[in-house]
Amino acid sequence: MTFHEACQAIVDNAEVKALNWAVNYAKRGLMTPDLLIEAQKTQALYILCNMEYWRGAKAKEVRKFLNEFAKHE
């Protein structure tokens, strides 16, 4: 999974109420170029804070990726 794929997964599930704010941050993340890794890490943290109540297999996969991505040096 890539950062943009994680963001797209959130946008694709925009109808889930638990993702209200996370969707906007994910849309912004989709516009962030791969060259701006620090900006992507910041967006990942915003997304993570706003997807706390999203459940399911896809949610678990995206959450795991974003956590690892944000912590990676």
Protein backbone atom coordinates (compact mmCIF):
# COMPACT_ATOMS: atom_id res chain seq x y z
CA MET A 1 0.00 0.00 0.00
CA THR A 2 1.14 3.54 -0.72
CA PHE A 3 0.19 6.79 0.95
CA HIS A 4 -2.04 7.73 -1.99
CA GLU A 5 -3.75 4.32 -1.96
CA ALA A 6 -4.50 4.74 1.75
CA CYS A 7 -5.96 8.18 1.11
CA GLN A 8 -8.03 6.85 -1.78
CA ALA A 9 -9.40 4.04 0.41
CA ILE A 10 -10.69 6.66 2.84
CA VAL A 11 -12.21 8.79 0.08
CA ASP A 12 -13.84 5.65 -1.36
CA ASN A 13 -15.55 5.11 2.02
CA ALA A 14 -16.68 8.72 2.43
CA GLU A 15 -20.23 7.61 3.27
CA VAL A 16 -19.04 6.15 6.59
CA LYS A 17 -19.90 8.65 9.32
CA ALA A 18 -16.78 7.76 11.29
CA LEU A 19 -14.69 9.27 8.48
CA ASN A 20 -16.33 12.70 8.22
CA TRP A 21 -13.20 14.78 8.80
CA ALA A 22 -10.72 12.14 7.67
CA VAL A 23 -12.14 12.31 4.14
CA ASN A 24 -11.15 15.96 3.76
CA TYR A 25 -7.65 15.28 5.05
CA ALA A 26 -7.37 12.28 2.71
CA LYS A 27 -8.42 14.40 -0.26
CA ARG A 28 -5.67 16.85 0.65
CA GLY A 29 -3.28 13.92 0.95
CA LEU A 30 -4.14 12.83 -2.58
CA MET A 31 -2.92 16.21 -3.82
CA THR A 32 0.40 15.96 -1.95
CA PRO A 33 3.24 14.91 -4.27
CA ASP A 34 5.47 11.95 -3.39
CA LEU A 35 8.46 14.27 -3.13
CA LEU A 36 6.98 15.93 -0.03
CA ILE A 37 7.30 13.01 2.38
CA GLU A 38 7.18 15.18 5.49
CA ALA A 39 3.94 16.79 4.29
CA GLN A 40 2.50 13.33 3.66
CA LYS A 41 3.51 12.22 7.17
CA THR A 42 1.75 15.25 8.63
CA GLN A 43 -1.40 14.47 6.63
CA ALA A 44 -1.17 10.85 7.79
CA LEU A 45 -1.27 12.02 11.41
CA TYR A 46 -4.30 14.23 10.76
CA ILE A 47 -6.04 11.35 9.00
CA LEU A 48 -5.26 8.91 11.82
CA CYS A 49 -6.68 11.27 14.43
CA ASN A 50 -9.92 11.50 12.48
CA MET A 51 -10.51 7.85 11.61
CA GLU A 52 -10.47 6.54 15.15
CA TYR A 53 -13.93 4.95 14.97
CA TRP A 54 -13.72 3.46 11.47
CA ARG A 55 -13.92 -0.34 11.73
CA GLY A 56 -13.43 -3.32 9.44
CA ALA A 57 -10.66 -5.07 7.52
CA LYS A 58 -9.91 -2.14 5.21
CA ALA A 59 -9.87 0.26 8.16
CA LYS A 60 -7.37 -1.96 9.95
CA GLU A 61 -5.15 -2.18 6.87
CA VAL A 62 -5.20 1.59 6.25
CA ARG A 63 -4.66 2.43 9.92
CA LYS A 64 -1.68 0.04 10.16
CA PHE A 65 -0.09 1.49 7.03
CA LEU A 66 -0.58 5.11 8.11
CA ASN A 67 0.84 4.42 11.57
CA GLU A 68 3.95 2.82 10.11
CA PHE A 69 4.25 5.50 7.42
CA ALA A 70 4.05 8.36 9.92
CA LYS A 71 6.70 6.80 12.16
CA HIS A 72 9.13 5.83 9.37
CA GLU A 73 12.29 7.93 9.29
